[in-house]
Amino acid sequence: MQELIQNYSLARPHSDQGHTRLLEEIAYLEARLVAIGHTGDCAYEKSLARSYSELLRARRRQLAAL
């Protein structure tokens, strides 16, 4: 599992720093969702999963707009 999280956390190089930063944030959020199981087991994890999912959608929209 740790190997999977590390793989998701790696950003791909790009000349535009804003693009790279968005990729890093997306990778981090995806890794966190994998780590807690996308839906979580308790109320705290479920809340985190919802927040991460919303942030992930927002970052993907920002990335598409670049």
C-alpha atoms as a PDB file:
ATOM      1  CA  MET A   1       0.000   0.000   0.000  1.00  0.00           C
ATOM      2  CA  GLN A   2       2.813   2.422   0.865  1.00  0.00           C
ATOM      3  CA  GLU A   3       4.373   1.798  -2.545  1.00  0.00           C
ATOM      4  CA  LEU A   4       1.077   2.683  -4.213  1.00  0.00           C
ATOM      5  CA  ILE A   5       0.809   5.906  -2.210  1.00  0.00           C
ATOM      6  CA  GLN A   6       4.364   6.873  -3.117  1.00  0.00           C
ATOM      7  CA  ASN A   7       3.638   6.216  -6.790  1.00  0.00           C
ATOM      8  CA  TYR A   8       0.532   8.411  -6.684  1.00  0.00           C
ATOM      9  CA  SER A   9       2.463  11.132  -4.876  1.00  0.00           C
ATOM     10  CA  LEU A  10       5.048  11.564  -7.624  1.00  0.00           C
ATOM     11  CA  ALA A  11       4.450  14.586  -9.820  1.00  0.00           C
ATOM     12  CA  ARG A  12       5.289  14.531 -13.482  1.00  0.00           C
ATOM     13  CA  PRO A  13       7.770  17.199 -14.614  1.00  0.00           C
ATOM     14  CA  HIS A  14       6.363  20.094 -16.626  1.00  0.00           C
ATOM     15  CA  SER A  15       7.749  23.476 -17.600  1.00  0.00           C
ATOM     16  CA  ASP A  16       4.816  25.348 -16.050  1.00  0.00           C
ATOM     17  CA  GLN A  17       5.107  25.391 -12.240  1.00  0.00           C
ATOM     18  CA  GLY A  18       1.345  25.922 -11.810  1.00  0.00           C
ATOM     19  CA  HIS A  19       0.674  22.814 -13.868  1.00  0.00           C
ATOM     20  CA  THR A  20       3.206  20.822 -11.854  1.00  0.00           C
ATOM     21  CA  ARG A  21       1.728  22.040  -8.562  1.00  0.00           C
ATOM     22  CA  LEU A  22      -1.771  20.967  -9.625  1.00  0.00           C
ATOM     23  CA  LEU A  23      -0.447  17.533 -10.585  1.00  0.00           C
ATOM     24  CA  GLU A  24       1.219  17.223  -7.180  1.00  0.00           C
ATOM     25  CA  GLU A  25      -1.998  18.179  -5.393  1.00  0.00           C
ATOM     26  CA  ILE A  26      -4.038  15.745  -7.490  1.00  0.00           C
ATOM     27  CA  ALA A  27      -1.540  12.957  -6.802  1.00  0.00           C
ATOM     28  CA  TYR A  28      -1.656  13.676  -3.062  1.00  0.00           C
ATOM     29  CA  LEU A  29      -5.459  13.734  -2.926  1.00  0.00           C
ATOM     30  CA  GLU A  30      -5.714  10.503  -4.935  1.00  0.00           C
ATOM     31  CA  ALA A  31      -3.201   8.825  -2.622  1.00  0.00           C
ATOM     32  CA  ARG A  32      -5.125   9.933   0.464  1.00  0.00           C
ATOM     33  CA  LEU A  33      -8.378   8.583  -0.992  1.00  0.00           C
ATOM     34  CA  VAL A  34      -6.703   5.243  -1.683  1.00  0.00           C
ATOM     35  CA  ALA A  35      -5.276   5.188   1.832  1.00  0.00           C
ATOM     36  CA  ILE A  36      -8.666   5.700   3.501  1.00  0.00           C
ATOM     37  CA  GLY A  37     -10.542   3.530   1.028  1.00  0.00           C
ATOM     38  CA  HIS A  38     -12.443   6.249  -0.915  1.00  0.00           C
ATOM     39  CA  THR A  39     -15.374   6.133   1.521  1.00  0.00           C
ATOM     40  CA  GLY A  40     -13.735   5.643   4.899  1.00  0.00           C
ATOM     41  CA  ASP A  41     -14.819   3.439   7.788  1.00  0.00           C
ATOM     42  CA  CYS A  42     -15.857   6.022  10.365  1.00  0.00           C
ATOM     43  CA  ALA A  43     -17.544   9.425  10.260  1.00  0.00           C
ATOM     44  CA  TYR A  44     -14.202  11.236  10.342  1.00  0.00           C
ATOM     45  CA  GLU A  45     -12.823   9.268   7.380  1.00  0.00           C
ATOM     46  CA  LYS A  46     -16.084   9.637   5.452  1.00  0.00           C
ATOM     47  CA  SER A  47     -15.914  13.392   5.940  1.00  0.00           C
ATOM     48  CA  LEU A  48     -12.287  13.438   4.817  1.00  0.00           C
ATOM     49  CA  ALA A  49     -13.122  11.334   1.769  1.00  0.00           C
ATOM     50  CA  ARG A  50     -15.891  13.755   0.768  1.00  0.00           C
ATOM     51  CA  SER A  51     -13.583  16.735   1.231  1.00  0.00           C
ATOM     52  CA  TYR A  52     -10.751  15.098  -0.702  1.00  0.00           C
ATOM     53  CA  SER A  53     -13.140  14.148  -3.511  1.00  0.00           C
ATOM     54  CA  GLU A  54     -14.428  17.710  -3.783  1.00  0.00           C
ATOM     55  CA  LEU A  55     -10.891  19.111  -3.773  1.00  0.00           C
ATOM     56  CA  LEU A  56      -9.841  16.546  -6.356  1.00  0.00           C
ATOM     57  CA  ARG A  57     -12.672  17.557  -8.701  1.00  0.00           C
ATOM     58  CA  ALA A  58     -11.767  21.234  -8.242  1.00  0.00           C
ATOM     59  CA  ARG A  59      -8.068  20.628  -8.972  1.00  0.00           C
ATOM     60  CA  ARG A  60      -8.922  18.593 -12.082  1.00  0.00           C
ATOM     61  CA  ARG A  61     -11.142  21.429 -13.335  1.00  0.00           C
ATOM     62  CA  GLN A  62      -8.301  23.880 -12.732  1.00  0.00           C
ATOM     63  CA  LEU A  63      -5.889  21.616 -14.585  1.00  0.00           C
ATOM     64  CA  ALA A  64      -8.287  21.314 -17.539  1.00  0.00           C
ATOM     65  CA  ALA A  65      -8.604  25.103 -17.673  1.00  0.00           C
ATOM     66  CA  LEU A  66      -4.826  25.576 -18.124  1.00  0.00           C
END
